[in-house]
Amino acid sequence: INEGLMSLFFFVVGMEIKRELVEGELSSPKKASLP
């Protein structure tokens, strides 16, 4: 679980980070500055 399955957890985390950076709430300095 800790070494294997959590890799899938971090895979989703990595995709969610990218989504926010590409088109979400972190995609522009104005949106991202406060959080």
All heavy atoms as atom14 arrays in JSON, in Angstrom:
{
  "sequence": "INEGLMSLFFFVVGMEIKRELVEGELSSPKKASLP",
  "atom14_mask": [
    [1, 1, 1, 1, 1, 1, 1, 1, 0, 0, 0, 0, 0, 0],
    [1, 1, 1, 1, 1, 1, 1, 1, 0, 0, 0, 0, 0, 0],
    [1, 1, 1, 1, 1, 1, 1, 1, 1, 0, 0, 0, 0, 0],
    [1, 1, 1, 1, 0, 0, 0, 0, 0, 0, 0, 0, 0, 0],
    [1, 1, 1, 1, 1, 1, 1, 1, 0, 0, 0, 0, 0, 0],
    [1, 1, 1, 1, 1, 1, 1, 1, 0, 0, 0, 0, 0, 0],
    [1, 1, 1, 1, 1, 1, 0, 0, 0, 0, 0, 0, 0, 0],
    [1, 1, 1, 1, 1, 1, 1, 1, 0, 0, 0, 0, 0, 0],
    [1, 1, 1, 1, 1, 1, 1, 1, 1, 1, 1, 0, 0, 0],
    [1, 1, 1, 1, 1, 1, 1, 1, 1, 1, 1, 0, 0, 0],
    [1, 1, 1, 1, 1, 1, 1, 1, 1, 1, 1, 0, 0, 0],
    [1, 1, 1, 1, 1, 1, 1, 0, 0, 0, 0, 0, 0, 0],
    [1, 1, 1, 1, 1, 1, 1, 0, 0, 0, 0, 0, 0, 0],
    [1, 1, 1, 1, 0, 0, 0, 0, 0, 0, 0, 0, 0, 0],
    [1, 1, 1, 1, 1, 1, 1, 1, 0, 0, 0, 0, 0, 0],
    [1, 1, 1, 1, 1, 1, 1, 1, 1, 0, 0, 0, 0, 0],
    [1, 1, 1, 1, 1, 1, 1, 1, 0, 0, 0, 0, 0, 0],
    [1, 1, 1, 1, 1, 1, 1, 1, 1, 0, 0, 0, 0, 0],
    [1, 1, 1, 1, 1, 1, 1, 1, 1, 1, 1, 0, 0, 0],
    [1, 1, 1, 1, 1, 1, 1, 1, 1, 0, 0, 0, 0, 0],
    [1, 1, 1, 1, 1, 1, 1, 1, 0, 0, 0, 0, 0, 0],
    [1, 1, 1, 1, 1, 1, 1, 0, 0, 0, 0, 0, 0, 0],
    [1, 1, 1, 1, 1, 1, 1, 1, 1, 0, 0, 0, 0, 0],
    [1, 1, 1, 1, 0, 0, 0, 0, 0, 0, 0, 0, 0, 0],
    [1, 1, 1, 1, 1, 1, 1, 1, 1, 0, 0, 0, 0, 0],
    [1, 1, 1, 1, 1, 1, 1, 1, 0, 0, 0, 0, 0, 0],
    [1, 1, 1, 1, 1, 1, 0, 0, 0, 0, 0, 0, 0, 0],
    [1, 1, 1, 1, 1, 1, 0, 0, 0, 0, 0, 0, 0, 0],
    [1, 1, 1, 1, 1, 1, 1, 0, 0, 0, 0, 0, 0, 0],
    [1, 1, 1, 1, 1, 1, 1, 1, 1, 0, 0, 0, 0, 0],
    [1, 1, 1, 1, 1, 1, 1, 1, 1, 0, 0, 0, 0, 0],
    [1, 1, 1, 1, 1, 0, 0, 0, 0, 0, 0, 0, 0, 0],
    [1, 1, 1, 1, 1, 1, 0, 0, 0, 0, 0, 0, 0, 0],
    [1, 1, 1, 1, 1, 1, 1, 1, 0, 0, 0, 0, 0, 0],
    [1, 1, 1, 1, 1, 1, 1, 0, 0, 0, 0, 0, 0, 0]
  ],
  "atom14_positions": [
    [[0.83, -1.2, 0.0], [0.0, 0.0, 0.0], [0.87, 1.26, 0.0], [0.68, 2.16, -0.82], [-0.94, 0.01, 1.22], [-2.01, -1.08, 1.07], [-1.62, 1.37, 1.39], [-2.82, -1.32, 2.31], [0.0, 0.0, 0.0], [0.0, 0.0, 0.0], [0.0, 0.0, 0.0], [0.0, 0.0, 0.0], [0.0, 0.0, 0.0], [0.0, 0.0, 0.0]],
    [[1.81, 1.33, 0.93], [2.62, 2.55, 1.09], [3.57, 2.81, -0.06], [3.8, 3.96, -0.44], [3.4, 2.48, 2.4], [2.52, 2.72, 3.61], [1.3, 2.59, 3.54], [3.11, 3.06, 4.74], [0.0, 0.0, 0.0], [0.0, 0.0, 0.0], [0.0, 0.0, 0.0], [0.0, 0.0, 0.0], [0.0, 0.0, 0.0], [0.0, 0.0, 0.0]],
    [[4.13, 1.76, -0.63], [5.13, 1.93, -1.68], [4.55, 1.8, -3.09], [5.05, 2.4, -4.03], [6.26, 0.9, -1.51], [7.01, 0.99, -0.21], [7.88, 2.24, -0.11], [8.35, 2.73, -1.14], [8.07, 2.72, 1.02], [0.0, 0.0, 0.0], [0.0, 0.0, 0.0], [0.0, 0.0, 0.0], [0.0, 0.0, 0.0], [0.0, 0.0, 0.0]],
    [[3.5, 0.98, -3.21], [2.93, 0.71, -4.52], [1.66, 1.49, -4.82], [1.64, 2.37, -5.68], [0.0, 0.0, 0.0], [0.0, 0.0, 0.0], [0.0, 0.0, 0.0], [0.0, 0.0, 0.0], [0.0, 0.0, 0.0], [0.0, 0.0, 0.0], [0.0, 0.0, 0.0], [0.0, 0.0, 0.0], [0.0, 0.0, 0.0], [0.0, 0.0, 0.0]],
    [[0.6, 1.19, -4.07], [-0.69, 1.82, -4.34], [-0.67, 3.34, -4.15], [-1.37, 4.07, -4.84], [-1.78, 1.21, -3.45], [-2.15, -0.25, -3.73], [-3.29, -0.69, -2.84], [-2.53, -0.44, -5.2], [0.0, 0.0, 0.0], [0.0, 0.0, 0.0], [0.0, 0.0, 0.0], [0.0, 0.0, 0.0], [0.0, 0.0, 0.0], [0.0, 0.0, 0.0]],
    [[0.16, 3.81, -3.22], [0.24, 5.26, -3.02], [0.88, 5.97, -4.22], [0.76, 7.18, -4.36], [1.01, 5.58, -1.74], [0.21, 5.35, -0.47], [-1.32, 6.33, -0.36], [-0.65, 7.92, 0.1], [0.0, 0.0, 0.0], [0.0, 0.0, 0.0], [0.0, 0.0, 0.0], [0.0, 0.0, 0.0], [0.0, 0.0, 0.0], [0.0, 0.0, 0.0]],
    [[1.54, 5.2, -5.08], [2.06, 5.79, -6.33], [0.9, 6.25, -7.2], [0.98, 7.27, -7.89], [2.92, 4.77, -7.09], [4.06, 4.41, -6.35], [0.0, 0.0, 0.0], [0.0, 0.0, 0.0], [0.0, 0.0, 0.0], [0.0, 0.0, 0.0], [0.0, 0.0, 0.0], [0.0, 0.0, 0.0], [0.0, 0.0, 0.0], [0.0, 0.0, 0.0]],
    [[-0.19, 5.47, -7.17], [-1.39, 5.86, -7.92], [-2.04, 7.1, -7.31], [-2.53, 7.98, -8.02], [-2.38, 4.7, -7.96], [-3.61, 4.85, -8.88], [-3.18, 5.14, -10.32], [-4.48, 3.61, -8.83], [0.0, 0.0, 0.0], [0.0, 0.0, 0.0], [0.0, 0.0, 0.0], [0.0, 0.0, 0.0], [0.0, 0.0, 0.0], [0.0, 0.0, 0.0]],
    [[-2.0, 7.19, -5.98], [-2.47, 8.39, -5.28], [-1.68, 9.61, -5.75], [-2.25, 10.66, -6.09], [-2.33, 8.2, -3.77], [-2.44, 9.48, -2.96], [-3.67, 10.06, -2.71], [-1.29, 10.1, -2.46], [-3.76, 11.24, -1.97], [-1.37, 11.26, -1.72], [-2.62, 11.83, -1.48], [0.0, 0.0, 0.0], [0.0, 0.0, 0.0], [0.0, 0.0, 0.0]],
    [[-0.36, 9.48, -5.79], [0.48, 10.6, -6.23], [0.34, 10.87, -7.72], [0.56, 11.99, -8.17], [1.94, 10.33, -5.85], [2.28, 10.7, -4.44], [2.37, 9.72, -3.46], [2.48, 12.01, -4.07], [2.67, 10.05, -2.14], [2.78, 12.35, -2.76], [2.86, 11.37, -1.79], [0.0, 0.0, 0.0], [0.0, 0.0, 0.0], [0.0, 0.0, 0.0]],
    [[-0.03, 9.85, -8.49], [-0.31, 10.04, -9.91], [-1.49, 10.98, -10.09], [-1.45, 11.92, -10.89], [-0.6, 8.68, -10.56], [-1.03, 8.74, -12.0], [-0.26, 9.4, -12.96], [-2.21, 8.12, -12.4], [-0.67, 9.47, -14.29], [-2.61, 8.17, -13.74], [-1.84, 8.84, -14.67], [0.0, 0.0, 0.0], [0.0, 0.0, 0.0], [0.0, 0.0, 0.0]],
    [[-2.56, 10.74, -9.33], [-3.73, 11.63, -9.38], [-3.38, 13.01, -8.85], [-3.8, 14.04, -9.41], [-4.91, 11.02, -8.59], [-6.08, 12.0, -8.51], [-5.37, 9.72, -9.25], [0.0, 0.0, 0.0], [0.0, 0.0, 0.0], [0.0, 0.0, 0.0], [0.0, 0.0, 0.0], [0.0, 0.0, 0.0], [0.0, 0.0, 0.0], [0.0, 0.0, 0.0]],
    [[-2.58, 13.07, -7.78], [-2.12, 14.36, -7.25], [-1.36, 15.13, -8.32], [-1.58, 16.32, -8.53], [-1.24, 14.16, -6.0], [-0.49, 15.45, -5.64], [-2.08, 13.7, -4.82], [0.0, 0.0, 0.0], [0.0, 0.0, 0.0], [0.0, 0.0, 0.0], [0.0, 0.0, 0.0], [0.0, 0.0, 0.0], [0.0, 0.0, 0.0], [0.0, 0.0, 0.0]],
    [[-0.44, 14.43, -9.02], [0.34, 15.07, -10.08], [-0.53, 15.61, -11.19], [-0.31, 16.72, -11.7], [0.0, 0.0, 0.0], [0.0, 0.0, 0.0], [0.0, 0.0, 0.0], [0.0, 0.0, 0.0], [0.0, 0.0, 0.0], [0.0, 0.0, 0.0], [0.0, 0.0, 0.0], [0.0, 0.0, 0.0], [0.0, 0.0, 0.0], [0.0, 0.0, 0.0]],
    [[-1.56, 14.85, -11.59], [-2.47, 15.3, -12.64], [-3.3, 16.49, -12.18], [-3.53, 17.43, -12.95], [-3.38, 14.15, -13.08], [-2.67, 13.06, -13.86], [-3.82, 11.92, -14.69], [-4.58, 11.11, -13.29], [0.0, 0.0, 0.0], [0.0, 0.0, 0.0], [0.0, 0.0, 0.0], [0.0, 0.0, 0.0], [0.0, 0.0, 0.0], [0.0, 0.0, 0.0]],
    [[-3.75, 16.46, -10.92], [-4.55, 17.57, -10.41], [-3.73, 18.85, -10.3], [-4.22, 19.94, -10.58], [-5.15, 17.2, -9.06], [-6.28, 16.17, -9.18], [-6.89, 15.8, -7.85], [-6.21, 15.97, -6.82], [-8.05, 15.35, -7.84], [0.0, 0.0, 0.0], [0.0, 0.0, 0.0], [0.0, 0.0, 0.0], [0.0, 0.0, 0.0], [0.0, 0.0, 0.0]],
    [[-2.47, 18.69, -9.92], [-1.57, 19.85, -9.88], [-1.42, 20.44, -11.28], [-1.53, 21.66, -11.48], [-0.19, 19.45, -9.31], [-0.29, 19.18, -7.8], [0.85, 20.54, -9.57], [0.98, 18.57, -7.22], [0.0, 0.0, 0.0], [0.0, 0.0, 0.0], [0.0, 0.0, 0.0], [0.0, 0.0, 0.0], [0.0, 0.0, 0.0], [0.0, 0.0, 0.0]],
    [[-1.18, 19.56, -12.26], [-1.02, 20.05, -13.64], [-2.28, 20.71, -14.15], [-2.23, 21.76, -14.8], [-0.62, 18.9, -14.57], [-0.41, 19.39, -16.01], [0.38, 18.44, -16.84], [0.63, 19.05, -18.22], [1.45, 18.17, -19.06], [0.0, 0.0, 0.0], [0.0, 0.0, 0.0], [0.0, 0.0, 0.0], [0.0, 0.0, 0.0], [0.0, 0.0, 0.0]],
    [[-3.45, 20.11, -13.86], [-4.71, 20.7, -14.31], [-4.89, 22.11, -13.76], [-5.28, 23.03, -14.49], [-5.88, 19.82, -13.86], [-7.25, 20.37, -14.27], [-8.38, 19.5, -13.76], [-8.4, 19.45, -12.3], [-9.24, 18.68, -11.6], [-10.1, 17.9, -12.24], [-9.2, 18.69, -10.29], [0.0, 0.0, 0.0], [0.0, 0.0, 0.0], [0.0, 0.0, 0.0]],
    [[-4.58, 22.29, -12.47], [-4.73, 23.62, -11.87], [-3.74, 24.61, -12.46], [-4.05, 25.79, -12.64], [-4.53, 23.53, -10.35], [-5.59, 22.72, -9.63], [-6.99, 23.27, -9.86], [-7.18, 24.49, -9.82], [-7.91, 22.46, -10.08], [0.0, 0.0, 0.0], [0.0, 0.0, 0.0], [0.0, 0.0, 0.0], [0.0, 0.0, 0.0], [0.0, 0.0, 0.0]],
    [[-2.53, 24.13, -12.8], [-1.51, 25.01, -13.39], [-1.84, 25.38, -14.83], [-1.53, 26.48, -15.29], [-0.14, 24.35, -13.32], [0.48, 24.2, -11.93], [1.73, 23.33, -11.98], [0.82, 25.56, -11.33], [0.0, 0.0, 0.0], [0.0, 0.0, 0.0], [0.0, 0.0, 0.0], [0.0, 0.0, 0.0], [0.0, 0.0, 0.0], [0.0, 0.0, 0.0]],
    [[-2.47, 24.43, -15.57], [-2.76, 24.65, -16.98], [-4.02, 25.48, -17.19], [-4.04, 26.43, -17.96], [-2.88, 23.3, -17.73], [-3.41, 23.49, -19.14], [-1.52, 22.6, -17.78], [0.0, 0.0, 0.0], [0.0, 0.0, 0.0], [0.0, 0.0, 0.0], [0.0, 0.0, 0.0], [0.0, 0.0, 0.0], [0.0, 0.0, 0.0], [0.0, 0.0, 0.0]],
    [[-5.09, 25.11, -16.49], [-6.37, 25.77, -16.77], [-7.2, 26.11, -15.53], [-8.28, 26.64, -15.64], [-7.22, 24.88, -17.68], [-7.5, 23.52, -17.1], [-8.25, 22.59, -18.03], [-8.22, 22.81, -19.25], [-8.87, 21.64, -17.53], [0.0, 0.0, 0.0], [0.0, 0.0, 0.0], [0.0, 0.0, 0.0], [0.0, 0.0, 0.0], [0.0, 0.0, 0.0]],
    [[-6.67, 25.82, -14.35], [-7.45, 26.0, -13.14], [-7.11, 27.26, -12.37], [-6.7, 28.28, -12.94], [0.0, 0.0, 0.0], [0.0, 0.0, 0.0], [0.0, 0.0, 0.0], [0.0, 0.0, 0.0], [0.0, 0.0, 0.0], [0.0, 0.0, 0.0], [0.0, 0.0, 0.0], [0.0, 0.0, 0.0], [0.0, 0.0, 0.0], [0.0, 0.0, 0.0]],
    [[-7.23, 27.14, -11.05], [-7.09, 28.31, -10.18], [-5.63, 28.74, -9.99], [-5.39, 29.76, -9.36], [-7.71, 28.0, -8.81], [-9.21, 27.84, -8.86], [-9.91, 29.06, -9.44], [-9.62, 30.17, -9.0], [-10.75, 28.89, -10.34], [0.0, 0.0, 0.0], [0.0, 0.0, 0.0], [0.0, 0.0, 0.0], [0.0, 0.0, 0.0], [0.0, 0.0, 0.0]],
    [[-4.69, 28.0, -10.52], [-3.27, 28.39, -10.41], [-2.7, 28.73, -11.78], [-1.49, 28.8, -11.95], [-2.46, 27.24, -9.77], [-2.98, 26.7, -8.43], [-2.09, 25.56, -7.96], [-3.02, 27.8, -7.39], [0.0, 0.0, 0.0], [0.0, 0.0, 0.0], [0.0, 0.0, 0.0], [0.0, 0.0, 0.0], [0.0, 0.0, 0.0], [0.0, 0.0, 0.0]],
    [[-3.59, 28.95, -12.76], [-3.13, 29.15, -14.14], [-2.68, 30.58, -14.43], [-2.12, 30.85, -15.48], [-4.24, 28.76, -15.12], [-5.41, 29.53, -14.88], [0.0, 0.0, 0.0], [0.0, 0.0, 0.0], [0.0, 0.0, 0.0], [0.0, 0.0, 0.0], [0.0, 0.0, 0.0], [0.0, 0.0, 0.0], [0.0, 0.0, 0.0], [0.0, 0.0, 0.0]],
    [[-2.93, 31.5, -13.52], [-2.48, 32.88, -13.72], [-2.03, 33.46, -12.38], [-2.54, 33.05, -11.33], [-3.61, 33.74, -14.3], [-4.63, 33.94, -13.33], [0.0, 0.0, 0.0], [0.0, 0.0, 0.0], [0.0, 0.0, 0.0], [0.0, 0.0, 0.0], [0.0, 0.0, 0.0], [0.0, 0.0, 0.0], [0.0, 0.0, 0.0], [0.0, 0.0, 0.0]],
    [[-1.07, 34.41, -12.41], [-0.59, 35.01, -11.15], [-1.71, 35.63, -10.33], [-1.7, 35.54, -9.1], [0.4, 36.09, -11.64], [0.85, 35.61, -12.97], [-0.34, 34.92, -13.58], [0.0, 0.0, 0.0], [0.0, 0.0, 0.0], [0.0, 0.0, 0.0], [0.0, 0.0, 0.0], [0.0, 0.0, 0.0], [0.0, 0.0, 0.0], [0.0, 0.0, 0.0]],
    [[-2.69, 36.23, -11.01], [-3.79, 36.89, -10.3], [-4.61, 35.87, -9.51], [-4.99, 36.1, -8.36], [-4.69, 37.61, -11.3], [-5.79, 38.43, -10.65], [-6.62, 39.15, -11.7], [-7.75, 39.94, -11.04], [-8.59, 40.64, -12.05], [0.0, 0.0, 0.0], [0.0, 0.0, 0.0], [0.0, 0.0, 0.0], [0.0, 0.0, 0.0], [0.0, 0.0, 0.0]],
    [[-4.88, 34.71, -10.13], [-5.66, 33.67, -9.46], [-4.86, 33.01, -8.34], [-5.4, 32.66, -7.29], [-6.09, 32.6, -10.47], [-7.19, 33.02, -11.43], [-7.54, 31.85, -12.33], [-8.67, 32.19, -13.28], [-9.03, 31.04, -14.15], [0.0, 0.0, 0.0], [0.0, 0.0, 0.0], [0.0, 0.0, 0.0], [0.0, 0.0, 0.0], [0.0, 0.0, 0.0]],
    [[-3.57, 32.81, -8.6], [-2.75, 31.99, -7.7], [-2.17, 32.75, -6.53], [-1.78, 32.13, -5.53], [-1.62, 31.34, -8.5], [0.0, 0.0, 0.0], [0.0, 0.0, 0.0], [0.0, 0.0, 0.0], [0.0, 0.0, 0.0], [0.0, 0.0, 0.0], [0.0, 0.0, 0.0], [0.0, 0.0, 0.0], [0.0, 0.0, 0.0], [0.0, 0.0, 0.0]],
    [[-2.1, 34.08, -6.59], [-1.32, 34.84, -5.61], [-1.8, 34.64, -4.17], [-0.98, 34.37, -3.27], [-1.31, 36.33, -5.97], [-2.63, 36.85, -5.96], [0.0, 0.0, 0.0], [0.0, 0.0, 0.0], [0.0, 0.0, 0.0], [0.0, 0.0, 0.0], [0.0, 0.0, 0.0], [0.0, 0.0, 0.0], [0.0, 0.0, 0.0], [0.0, 0.0, 0.0]],
    [[-3.11, 34.76, -3.92], [-3.59, 34.65, -2.53], [-3.42, 33.25, -1.97], [-2.81, 33.09, -0.9], [-5.06, 35.1, -2.44], [-5.65, 35.09, -1.02], [-4.86, 36.0, -0.1], [-7.13, 35.51, -1.05], [0.0, 0.0, 0.0], [0.0, 0.0, 0.0], [0.0, 0.0, 0.0], [0.0, 0.0, 0.0], [0.0, 0.0, 0.0], [0.0, 0.0, 0.0]],
    [[-3.92, 32.17, -2.64], [-3.69, 30.84, -2.08], [-2.22, 30.44, -2.04], [-1.81, 29.68, -1.16], [-4.48, 29.91, -3.02], [-4.72, 30.69, -4.26], [-4.78, 32.12, -3.84], [0.0, 0.0, 0.0], [0.0, 0.0, 0.0], [0.0, 0.0, 0.0], [0.0, 0.0, 0.0], [0.0, 0.0, 0.0], [0.0, 0.0, 0.0], [0.0, 0.0, 0.0]]
  ]
}
